[in-house]
Amino acid sequence: MTTPRGCFLTLEGLDGAGKSTHVLGLVEHLRGRGLDVVCTREPGGTEMGEALRQIVLSRPMQLETELLLMFAARCEHLRTVIEPALRAGKWVVCDRFTDASYAYQGGGRGLGAERVGALEQWVHPHLQPDRTWLFDVPLATARERLARSRDLDRFEQEGADFFERTRAAYHERARLHPDRFRVLDSSRDIEEVRAELIAQAMELEQAWREGRAGEKA
């Protein structure tokens, strides 16, 4: 009997939106529900991906090089982590995925959605997240949170115009894919945002379990 496919969840948003904090809360909740969950991130998720992450976040490079490195890390991540986990019936929770490339490289860097889309069609033409949460926050709030949290990497040091373009590109992705995206107002209290995230995740889990039962029948 074929193992029912797992569920692929991604969390997106500007740096400082609180996304990474909510990744941990979501994974904890899902594991508490008895689900086998793989928690990962992009760029990263593999030994090669983490090495490329350090390069991308710290070294200046051509814009096209940056985009290609993101997809190189993503290809390795997909083939060795994400796709095998989904085939095994596991849930995958990923901190960023290809929507981040549309937002940061396509929007923020100004490379455009067409180039990102061409790489997406090459690397994962038939795979999209089952659900993507966009943690949306005003730029001023995101910058304030970052300033008091840690040293900033190469992306986080970009100016306001870059992040306004990035945020606009994220909103365009949500507009184009309303069935997949859920936009959360991340300027609210952390617990309030987490409660909304968990409620939506539980609805998704229920639908997944019902579909899984149907596949086994």
C-alpha atoms as a PDB file:
ATOM      1  CA  MET A   1       0.000   0.000   0.000  1.00  0.00           C
ATOM      2  CA  THR A   2       1.329   3.451  -0.947  1.00  0.00           C
ATOM      3  CA  THR A   3       2.092   5.780   1.979  1.00  0.00           C
ATOM      4  CA  PRO A   4      -0.133   8.884   1.791  1.00  0.00           C
ATOM      5  CA  ARG A   5       1.828  12.033   1.007  1.00  0.00           C
ATOM      6  CA  GLY A   6       2.738  14.325   3.864  1.00  0.00           C
ATOM      7  CA  CYS A   7       1.916  18.027   4.076  1.00  0.00           C
ATOM      8  CA  PHE A   8       4.260  20.850   3.054  1.00  0.00           C
ATOM      9  CA  LEU A   9       3.981  24.090   5.032  1.00  0.00           C
ATOM     10  CA  THR A  10       6.011  27.257   4.491  1.00  0.00           C
ATOM     11  CA  LEU A  11       6.289  30.463   6.484  1.00  0.00           C
ATOM     12  CA  GLU A  12       7.273  33.703   4.777  1.00  0.00           C
ATOM     13  CA  GLY A  13       7.736  37.354   5.604  1.00  0.00           C
ATOM     14  CA  LEU A  14      10.166  40.221   5.941  1.00  0.00           C
ATOM     15  CA  ASP A  15      13.092  39.914   8.302  1.00  0.00           C
ATOM     16  CA  GLY A  16      11.737  41.075  11.650  1.00  0.00           C
ATOM     17  CA  ALA A  17       8.186  39.840  11.043  1.00  0.00           C
ATOM     18  CA  GLY A  18       8.506  37.171  13.745  1.00  0.00           C
ATOM     19  CA  LYS A  19       8.309  34.315  11.270  1.00  0.00           C
ATOM     20  CA  SER A  20      11.118  32.188  12.715  1.00  0.00           C
ATOM     21  CA  THR A  21       9.609  32.357  16.198  1.00  0.00           C
ATOM     22  CA  HIS A  22       6.321  31.046  14.858  1.00  0.00           C
ATOM     23  CA  VAL A  23       8.058  28.225  12.975  1.00  0.00           C
ATOM     24  CA  LEU A  24       9.126  26.764  16.313  1.00  0.00           C
ATOM     25  CA  GLY A  25       5.657  27.171  17.818  1.00  0.00           C
ATOM     26  CA  LEU A  26       3.978  25.523  14.841  1.00  0.00           C
ATOM     27  CA  VAL A  27       6.374  22.567  14.857  1.00  0.00           C
ATOM     28  CA  GLU A  28       5.869  22.073  18.593  1.00  0.00           C
ATOM     29  CA  HIS A  29       2.089  22.082  18.130  1.00  0.00           C
ATOM     30  CA  LEU A  30       2.122  19.629  15.229  1.00  0.00           C
ATOM     31  CA  ARG A  31       4.422  17.211  17.016  1.00  0.00           C
ATOM     32  CA  GLY A  32       2.161  17.436  20.035  1.00  0.00           C
ATOM     33  CA  ARG A  33      -0.651  16.264  17.761  1.00  0.00           C
ATOM     34  CA  GLY A  34       1.319  13.117  16.983  1.00  0.00           C
ATOM     35  CA  LEU A  35       2.557  14.161  13.540  1.00  0.00           C
ATOM     36  CA  ASP A  36       6.024  13.285  12.263  1.00  0.00           C
ATOM     37  CA  VAL A  37       7.429  16.729  11.422  1.00  0.00           C
ATOM     38  CA  VAL A  38      10.596  17.810   9.640  1.00  0.00           C
ATOM     39  CA  CYS A  39      11.580  21.377  10.526  1.00  0.00           C
ATOM     40  CA  THR A  40      13.908  23.032   8.046  1.00  0.00           C
ATOM     41  CA  ARG A  41      14.832  26.360   6.464  1.00  0.00           C
ATOM     42  CA  GLU A  42      15.984  28.112   3.318  1.00  0.00           C
ATOM     43  CA  PRO A  43      18.556  28.818   2.277  1.00  0.00           C
ATOM     44  CA  GLY A  44      19.899  25.842   4.182  1.00  0.00           C
ATOM     45  CA  GLY A  45      18.403  22.581   5.319  1.00  0.00           C
ATOM     46  CA  THR A  46      21.338  20.488   4.125  1.00  0.00           C
ATOM     47  CA  GLU A  47      25.096  20.588   4.670  1.00  0.00           C
ATOM     48  CA  MET A  48      25.571  22.111   1.235  1.00  0.00           C
ATOM     49  CA  GLY A  49      22.634  24.448   1.697  1.00  0.00           C
ATOM     50  CA  GLU A  50      23.973  25.770   5.001  1.00  0.00           C
ATOM     51  CA  ALA A  51      27.362  26.429   3.390  1.00  0.00           C
ATOM     52  CA  LEU A  52      25.671  28.335   0.568  1.00  0.00           C
ATOM     53  CA  ARG A  53      23.584  30.213   3.135  1.00  0.00           C
ATOM     54  CA  GLN A  54      26.719  31.577   4.778  1.00  0.00           C
ATOM     55  CA  ILE A  55      28.027  32.732   1.414  1.00  0.00           C
ATOM     56  CA  VAL A  56      24.765  34.358   0.309  1.00  0.00           C
ATOM     57  CA  LEU A  57      24.183  36.154   3.617  1.00  0.00           C
ATOM     58  CA  SER A  58      27.704  37.495   3.996  1.00  0.00           C
ATOM     59  CA  ARG A  59      29.440  38.059   0.647  1.00  0.00           C
ATOM     60  CA  PRO A  60      28.669  40.661  -2.010  1.00  0.00           C
ATOM     61  CA  MET A  61      27.887  39.159  -5.405  1.00  0.00           C
ATOM     62  CA  GLN A  62      26.121  39.749  -8.678  1.00  0.00           C
ATOM     63  CA  LEU A  63      22.337  39.743  -8.397  1.00  0.00           C
ATOM     64  CA  GLU A  64      21.984  36.839 -10.814  1.00  0.00           C
ATOM     65  CA  THR A  65      24.579  34.864  -8.850  1.00  0.00           C
ATOM     66  CA  GLU A  66      22.553  35.359  -5.695  1.00  0.00           C
ATOM     67  CA  LEU A  67      19.396  34.032  -7.337  1.00  0.00           C
ATOM     68  CA  LEU A  68      21.194  31.022  -8.808  1.00  0.00           C
ATOM     69  CA  LEU A  69      22.788  30.151  -5.471  1.00  0.00           C
ATOM     70  CA  MET A  70      19.377  30.283  -3.805  1.00  0.00           C
ATOM     71  CA  PHE A  71      18.028  27.764  -6.289  1.00  0.00           C
ATOM     72  CA  ALA A  72      21.135  25.595  -6.076  1.00  0.00           C
ATOM     73  CA  ALA A  73      20.592  25.301  -2.319  1.00  0.00           C
ATOM     74  CA  ARG A  74      16.870  24.719  -2.928  1.00  0.00           C
ATOM     75  CA  CYS A  75      17.459  21.924  -5.429  1.00  0.00           C
ATOM     76  CA  GLU A  76      19.677  20.056  -2.971  1.00  0.00           C
ATOM     77  CA  HIS A  77      17.156  20.689  -0.203  1.00  0.00           C
ATOM     78  CA  LEU A  78      14.247  19.385  -2.229  1.00  0.00           C
ATOM     79  CA  ARG A  79      15.927  16.239  -3.475  1.00  0.00           C
ATOM     80  CA  THR A  80      17.512  15.183  -0.188  1.00  0.00           C
ATOM     81  CA  VAL A  81      15.128  16.476   2.508  1.00  0.00           C
ATOM     82  CA  ILE A  82      11.739  17.824   1.454  1.00  0.00           C
ATOM     83  CA  GLU A  83      10.619  15.378  -1.231  1.00  0.00           C
ATOM     84  CA  PRO A  84      11.753  12.209   0.623  1.00  0.00           C
ATOM     85  CA  ALA A  85       9.997  13.388   3.788  1.00  0.00           C
ATOM     86  CA  LEU A  86       6.742  14.088   1.961  1.00  0.00           C
ATOM     87  CA  ARG A  87       6.861  10.697   0.226  1.00  0.00           C
ATOM     88  CA  ALA A  88       7.309   9.088   3.655  1.00  0.00           C
ATOM     89  CA  GLY A  89       4.100  10.752   4.880  1.00  0.00           C
ATOM     90  CA  LYS A  90       5.860  13.335   7.064  1.00  0.00           C
ATOM     91  CA  TRP A  91       4.918  16.965   7.480  1.00  0.00           C
ATOM     92  CA  VAL A  92       7.549  19.482   6.406  1.00  0.00           C
ATOM     93  CA  VAL A  93       7.621  22.948   7.971  1.00  0.00           C
ATOM     94  CA  CYS A  94      10.019  25.213   6.104  1.00  0.00           C
ATOM     95  CA  ASP A  95      11.194  28.694   7.094  1.00  0.00           C
ATOM     96  CA  ARG A  96      11.021  30.303   3.603  1.00  0.00           C
ATOM     97  CA  PHE A  97      10.778  28.648   0.198  1.00  0.00           C
ATOM     98  CA  THR A  98      10.492  29.838  -3.407  1.00  0.00           C
ATOM     99  CA  ASP A  99       8.074  32.659  -2.561  1.00  0.00           C
ATOM    100  CA  ALA A 100      11.046  34.267  -0.793  1.00  0.00           C
ATOM    101  CA  SER A 101      12.961  34.281  -4.091  1.00  0.00           C
ATOM    102  CA  TYR A 102      10.041  35.987  -5.813  1.00  0.00           C
ATOM    103  CA  ALA A 103       9.982  38.550  -2.997  1.00  0.00           C
ATOM    104  CA  TYR A 104      13.671  39.168  -2.286  1.00  0.00           C
ATOM    105  CA  GLN A 105      15.390  38.526  -5.612  1.00  0.00           C
ATOM    106  CA  GLY A 106      12.435  39.155  -7.925  1.00  0.00           C
ATOM    107  CA  GLY A 107      11.053  42.146  -6.049  1.00  0.00           C
ATOM    108  CA  GLY A 108      13.700  43.527  -3.733  1.00  0.00           C
ATOM    109  CA  ARG A 109      16.617  43.040  -6.150  1.00  0.00           C
ATOM    110  CA  GLY A 110      14.482  43.934  -9.148  1.00  0.00           C
ATOM    111  CA  LEU A 111      15.251  40.785 -11.160  1.00  0.00           C
ATOM    112  CA  GLY A 112      11.572  40.232 -11.866  1.00  0.00           C
ATOM    113  CA  ALA A 113       9.200  37.313 -11.465  1.00  0.00           C
ATOM    114  CA  GLU A 114       9.911  35.856 -14.919  1.00  0.00           C
ATOM    115  CA  ARG A 115      13.484  34.835 -14.095  1.00  0.00           C
ATOM    116  CA  VAL A 116      12.457  33.355 -10.769  1.00  0.00           C
ATOM    117  CA  GLY A 117       9.602  31.506 -12.427  1.00  0.00           C
ATOM    118  CA  ALA A 118      11.909  29.964 -15.023  1.00  0.00           C
ATOM    119  CA  LEU A 119      14.115  28.512 -12.276  1.00  0.00           C
ATOM    120  CA  GLU A 120      11.077  27.372 -10.311  1.00  0.00           C
ATOM    121  CA  GLN A 121       9.795  25.457 -13.347  1.00  0.00           C
ATOM    122  CA  TRP A 122      13.158  23.761 -13.719  1.00  0.00           C
ATOM    123  CA  VAL A 123      13.769  22.880 -10.056  1.00  0.00           C
ATOM    124  CA  HIS A 124      10.260  22.013  -8.815  1.00  0.00           C
ATOM    125  CA  PRO A 125       7.655  22.247 -11.593  1.00  0.00           C
ATOM    126  CA  HIS A 126       5.138  19.993  -9.849  1.00  0.00           C
ATOM    127  CA  LEU A 127       5.622  20.828  -6.177  1.00  0.00           C
ATOM    128  CA  GLN A 128       4.122  23.740  -4.264  1.00  0.00           C
ATOM    129  CA  PRO A 129       3.494  24.158  -0.535  1.00  0.00           C
ATOM    130  CA  ASP A 130       0.096  23.005   0.684  1.00  0.00           C
ATOM    131  CA  ARG A 131      -0.106  26.136   2.800  1.00  0.00           C
ATOM    132  CA  THR A 132       1.977  29.300   2.982  1.00  0.00           C
ATOM    133  CA  TRP A 133       1.618  31.782   5.819  1.00  0.00           C
ATOM    134  CA  LEU A 134       2.794  35.307   5.117  1.00  0.00           C
ATOM    135  CA  PHE A 135       3.645  37.159   8.303  1.00  0.00           C
ATOM    136  CA  ASP A 136       2.970  40.742   7.323  1.00  0.00           C
ATOM    137  CA  VAL A 137       4.261  43.674   9.307  1.00  0.00           C
ATOM    138  CA  PRO A 138       4.891  47.366   8.528  1.00  0.00           C
ATOM    139  CA  LEU A 139       8.480  48.009   7.529  1.00  0.00           C
ATOM    140  CA  ALA A 140       9.118  50.353  10.459  1.00  0.00           C
ATOM    141  CA  THR A 141       8.046  47.665  12.927  1.00  0.00           C
ATOM    142  CA  ALA A 142      10.222  45.031  11.266  1.00  0.00           C
ATOM    143  CA  ARG A 143      13.262  47.317  11.316  1.00  0.00           C
ATOM    144  CA  GLU A 144      12.718  48.203  14.959  1.00  0.00           C
ATOM    145  CA  ARG A 145      12.546  44.531  15.932  1.00  0.00           C
ATOM    146  CA  LEU A 146      15.716  43.701  14.006  1.00  0.00           C
ATOM    147  CA  ALA A 147      17.655  46.583  15.507  1.00  0.00           C
ATOM    148  CA  ARG A 148      17.210  45.239  19.014  1.00  0.00           C
ATOM    149  CA  SER A 149      17.660  41.546  18.252  1.00  0.00           C
ATOM    150  CA  ARG A 150      21.024  40.786  16.581  1.00  0.00           C
ATOM    151  CA  ASP A 151      23.770  41.827  14.198  1.00  0.00           C
ATOM    152  CA  LEU A 152      22.336  42.290  10.738  1.00  0.00           C
ATOM    153  CA  ASP A 153      23.288  40.135   7.731  1.00  0.00           C
ATOM    154  CA  ARG A 154      23.732  41.408   4.161  1.00  0.00           C
ATOM    155  CA  PHE A 155      20.000  41.350   3.406  1.00  0.00           C
ATOM    156  CA  GLU A 156      18.929  42.890   6.692  1.00  0.00           C
ATOM    157  CA  GLN A 157      21.253  45.831   6.077  1.00  0.00           C
ATOM    158  CA  GLU A 158      19.403  46.844   2.911  1.00  0.00           C
ATOM    159  CA  GLY A 159      17.528  50.139   2.790  1.00  0.00           C
ATOM    160  CA  ALA A 160      13.826  50.858   3.112  1.00  0.00           C
ATOM    161  CA  ASP A 161      13.180  50.863  -0.645  1.00  0.00           C
ATOM    162  CA  PHE A 162      14.478  47.297  -0.947  1.00  0.00           C
ATOM    163  CA  PHE A 163      12.135  46.059   1.761  1.00  0.00           C
ATOM    164  CA  GLU A 164       9.149  47.962   0.425  1.00  0.00           C
ATOM    165  CA  ARG A 165       9.673  46.230  -2.938  1.00  0.00           C
ATOM    166  CA  THR A 166      10.094  42.907  -1.159  1.00  0.00           C
ATOM    167  CA  ARG A 167       6.913  43.363   0.841  1.00  0.00           C
ATOM    168  CA  ALA A 168       4.983  44.389  -2.277  1.00  0.00           C
ATOM    169  CA  ALA A 169       6.216  41.265  -4.078  1.00  0.00           C
ATOM    170  CA  TYR A 170       5.043  39.101  -1.186  1.00  0.00           C
ATOM    171  CA  HIS A 171       1.604  40.668  -1.370  1.00  0.00           C
ATOM    172  CA  GLU A 172       1.528  40.037  -5.110  1.00  0.00           C
ATOM    173  CA  ARG A 173       2.306  36.357  -4.490  1.00  0.00           C
ATOM    174  CA  ALA A 174      -0.558  36.173  -1.992  1.00  0.00           C
ATOM    175  CA  ARG A 175      -2.888  37.850  -4.495  1.00  0.00           C
ATOM    176  CA  LEU A 176      -1.928  35.404  -7.246  1.00  0.00           C
ATOM    177  CA  HIS A 177      -2.268  32.310  -5.037  1.00  0.00           C
ATOM    178  CA  PRO A 178      -5.163  32.944  -2.634  1.00  0.00           C
ATOM    179  CA  ASP A 179      -5.925  29.238  -2.136  1.00  0.00           C
ATOM    180  CA  ARG A 180      -2.430  28.593  -0.792  1.00  0.00           C
ATOM    181  CA  PHE A 181      -1.610  31.811   1.068  1.00  0.00           C
ATOM    182  CA  ARG A 182      -2.874  33.032   4.415  1.00  0.00           C
ATOM    183  CA  VAL A 183      -1.768  36.528   5.419  1.00  0.00           C
ATOM    184  CA  LEU A 184      -1.324  37.129   9.152  1.00  0.00           C
ATOM    185  CA  ASP A 185      -0.997  40.572  10.730  1.00  0.00           C
ATOM    186  CA  SER A 186       2.271  40.030  12.562  1.00  0.00           C
ATOM    187  CA  SER A 187       2.305  43.446  14.208  1.00  0.00           C
ATOM    188  CA  ARG A 188      -0.008  42.026  16.882  1.00  0.00           C
ATOM    189  CA  ASP A 189       0.972  40.322  20.119  1.00  0.00           C
ATOM    190  CA  ILE A 190       2.917  37.092  19.532  1.00  0.00           C
ATOM    191  CA  GLU A 191       0.352  34.938  21.333  1.00  0.00           C
ATOM    192  CA  GLU A 192      -2.509  36.382  19.294  1.00  0.00           C
ATOM    193  CA  VAL A 193      -0.694  35.653  16.039  1.00  0.00           C
ATOM    194  CA  ARG A 194       0.247  32.165  17.206  1.00  0.00           C
ATOM    195  CA  ALA A 195      -3.367  31.375  18.134  1.00  0.00           C
ATOM    196  CA  GLU A 196      -4.540  32.292  14.626  1.00  0.00           C
ATOM    197  CA  LEU A 197      -1.720  30.290  13.047  1.00  0.00           C
ATOM    198  CA  ILE A 198      -2.491  27.195  15.120  1.00  0.00           C
ATOM    199  CA  ALA A 199      -6.232  27.430  14.431  1.00  0.00           C
ATOM    200  CA  GLN A 200      -5.571  27.476  10.691  1.00  0.00           C
ATOM    201  CA  ALA A 201      -3.057  24.653  10.986  1.00  0.00           C
ATOM    202  CA  MET A 202      -5.639  22.529  12.799  1.00  0.00           C
ATOM    203  CA  GLU A 203      -8.134  23.053   9.974  1.00  0.00           C
ATOM    204  CA  LEU A 204      -5.484  21.933   7.512  1.00  0.00           C
ATOM    205  CA  GLU A 205      -4.611  18.920   9.658  1.00  0.00           C
ATOM    206  CA  GLN A 206      -8.240  17.842   9.822  1.00  0.00           C
ATOM    207  CA  ALA A 207      -8.579  17.999   6.040  1.00  0.00           C
ATOM    208  CA  TRP A 208      -5.304  16.085   5.629  1.00  0.00           C
ATOM    209  CA  ARG A 209      -6.379  13.340   8.035  1.00  0.00           C
ATOM    210  CA  GLU A 210      -9.728  12.983   6.290  1.00  0.00           C
ATOM    211  CA  GLY A 211      -7.985  12.724   2.911  1.00  0.00           C
ATOM    212  CA  ARG A 212      -5.480  10.257   4.312  1.00  0.00           C
ATOM    213  CA  ALA A 213      -8.281   8.078   5.668  1.00  0.00           C
ATOM    214  CA  GLY A 214      -9.906   8.170   2.246  1.00  0.00           C
ATOM    215  CA  GLU A 215      -6.685   7.041   0.556  1.00  0.00           C
ATOM    216  CA  LYS A 216      -6.378   4.099   2.931  1.00  0.00           C
ATOM    217  CA  ALA A 217      -9.990   3.026   2.510  1.00  0.00           C
END
